[in-house]
Amino acid sequence: MNRKLSKQLSVISYQLPVISYQLSVKELNFVLCSFQNLV
């Protein structure tokens, strides 16, 4: 049980940076698109 939990935690901690990276890329794309629309 404890081992399973720690494995889950490691998976989550591994995925978090990936998720935050994808989110920041999405936001960057959104900002770039809106900036191009302004120009």
N, C-alpha and C. Protein backbone atom coordinates (compact mmCIF):
# COMPACT_ATOMS: atom_id res chain seq x y z
N MET A 1 0.83 -1.20 0.00
CA MET A 1 0.00 0.00 0.00
C MET A 1 0.87 1.25 0.00
N ASN A 2 1.81 1.30 0.92
CA ASN A 2 2.67 2.48 1.02
C ASN A 2 3.53 2.63 -0.24
N ARG A 3 4.01 1.52 -0.74
CA ARG A 3 4.84 1.56 -1.94
C ARG A 3 4.03 2.07 -3.13
N LYS A 4 2.80 1.60 -3.23
CA LYS A 4 1.93 2.03 -4.32
C LYS A 4 1.71 3.53 -4.25
N LEU A 5 1.49 4.02 -3.05
CA LEU A 5 1.24 5.45 -2.87
C LEU A 5 2.46 6.26 -3.28
N SER A 6 3.63 5.82 -2.86
CA SER A 6 4.84 6.57 -3.21
C SER A 6 5.08 6.53 -4.72
N LYS A 7 4.72 5.42 -5.34
CA LYS A 7 4.87 5.34 -6.80
C LYS A 7 3.93 6.34 -7.46
N GLN A 8 2.69 6.41 -6.97
CA GLN A 8 1.73 7.37 -7.50
C GLN A 8 2.24 8.79 -7.34
N LEU A 9 2.79 9.07 -6.19
CA LEU A 9 3.31 10.42 -5.93
C LEU A 9 4.44 10.76 -6.88
N SER A 10 5.30 9.81 -7.13
CA SER A 10 6.42 10.08 -8.05
C SER A 10 5.90 10.33 -9.46
N VAL A 11 4.88 9.59 -9.85
CA VAL A 11 4.29 9.80 -11.18
C VAL A 11 3.68 11.20 -11.26
N ILE A 12 2.97 11.59 -10.21
CA ILE A 12 2.35 12.92 -10.19
C ILE A 12 3.43 14.00 -10.24
N SER A 13 4.46 13.85 -9.43
CA SER A 13 5.51 14.87 -9.40
C SER A 13 6.26 14.92 -10.73
N TYR A 14 6.27 13.81 -11.46
CA TYR A 14 6.90 13.80 -12.78
C TYR A 14 6.00 14.51 -13.80
N GLN A 15 4.70 14.32 -13.69
CA GLN A 15 3.77 14.89 -14.66
C GLN A 15 3.53 16.38 -14.45
N LEU A 16 3.66 16.84 -13.23
CA LEU A 16 3.38 18.25 -12.94
C LEU A 16 4.19 19.22 -13.79
N PRO A 17 5.50 19.07 -13.89
CA PRO A 17 6.27 20.00 -14.74
C PRO A 17 5.83 19.94 -16.20
N VAL A 18 5.49 18.75 -16.66
CA VAL A 18 5.05 18.60 -18.06
C VAL A 18 3.75 19.37 -18.27
N ILE A 19 2.82 19.22 -17.33
CA ILE A 19 1.54 19.92 -17.43
C ILE A 19 1.74 21.42 -17.39
N SER A 20 2.54 21.89 -16.46
CA SER A 20 2.76 23.33 -16.35
C SER A 20 3.48 23.86 -17.58
N TYR A 21 4.37 23.05 -18.17
CA TYR A 21 5.06 23.46 -19.39
C TYR A 21 4.07 23.60 -20.53
N GLN A 22 3.17 22.61 -20.67
CA GLN A 22 2.17 22.67 -21.73
C GLN A 22 1.26 23.87 -21.55
N LEU A 23 0.90 24.16 -20.30
CA LEU A 23 0.04 25.31 -20.04
C LEU A 23 0.73 26.61 -20.42
N SER A 24 1.99 26.74 -20.07
CA SER A 24 2.72 27.97 -20.38
C SER A 24 2.88 28.12 -21.89
N VAL A 25 3.07 27.00 -22.59
CA VAL A 25 3.18 27.07 -24.05
C VAL A 25 1.85 27.52 -24.64
N LYS A 26 0.75 27.00 -24.11
CA LYS A 26 -0.57 27.42 -24.58
C LYS A 26 -0.76 28.91 -24.37
N GLU A 27 -0.40 29.39 -23.20
CA GLU A 27 -0.56 30.81 -22.91
C GLU A 27 0.32 31.65 -23.81
N LEU A 28 1.53 31.18 -24.06
CA LEU A 28 2.43 31.91 -24.96
C LEU A 28 1.83 31.99 -26.35
N ASN A 29 1.30 30.89 -26.83
CA ASN A 29 0.66 30.89 -28.15
C ASN A 29 -0.51 31.85 -28.18
N PHE A 30 -1.29 31.86 -27.12
CA PHE A 30 -2.45 32.75 -27.05
C PHE A 30 -2.01 34.21 -27.09
N VAL A 31 -0.97 34.53 -26.33
CA VAL A 31 -0.46 35.90 -26.29
C VAL A 31 0.08 36.29 -27.66
N LEU A 32 0.80 35.38 -28.28
CA LEU A 32 1.35 35.67 -29.61
C LEU A 32 0.24 35.90 -30.62
N CYS A 33 -0.79 35.07 -30.57
CA CYS A 33 -1.91 35.22 -31.50
C CYS A 33 -2.61 36.55 -31.29
N SER A 34 -2.91 36.90 -30.07
CA SER A 34 -3.60 38.16 -29.81
C SER A 34 -2.71 39.35 -30.17
N PHE A 35 -1.41 39.19 -29.99
CA PHE A 35 -0.49 40.26 -30.37
C PHE A 35 -0.49 40.45 -31.89
N GLN A 36 -0.50 39.34 -32.62
CA GLN A 36 -0.54 39.42 -34.09
C GLN A 36 -1.85 40.05 -34.55
N ASN A 37 -2.93 39.77 -33.85
CA ASN A 37 -4.22 40.37 -34.20
C ASN A 37 -4.20 41.87 -33.99
N LEU A 38 -3.48 42.31 -32.98
CA LEU A 38 -3.39 43.74 -32.71
C LEU A 38 -2.59 44.46 -33.79
N VAL A 39 -1.56 43.81 -34.26
CA VAL A 39 -0.68 44.47 -35.23
C VAL A 39 -1.32 44.57 -36.62
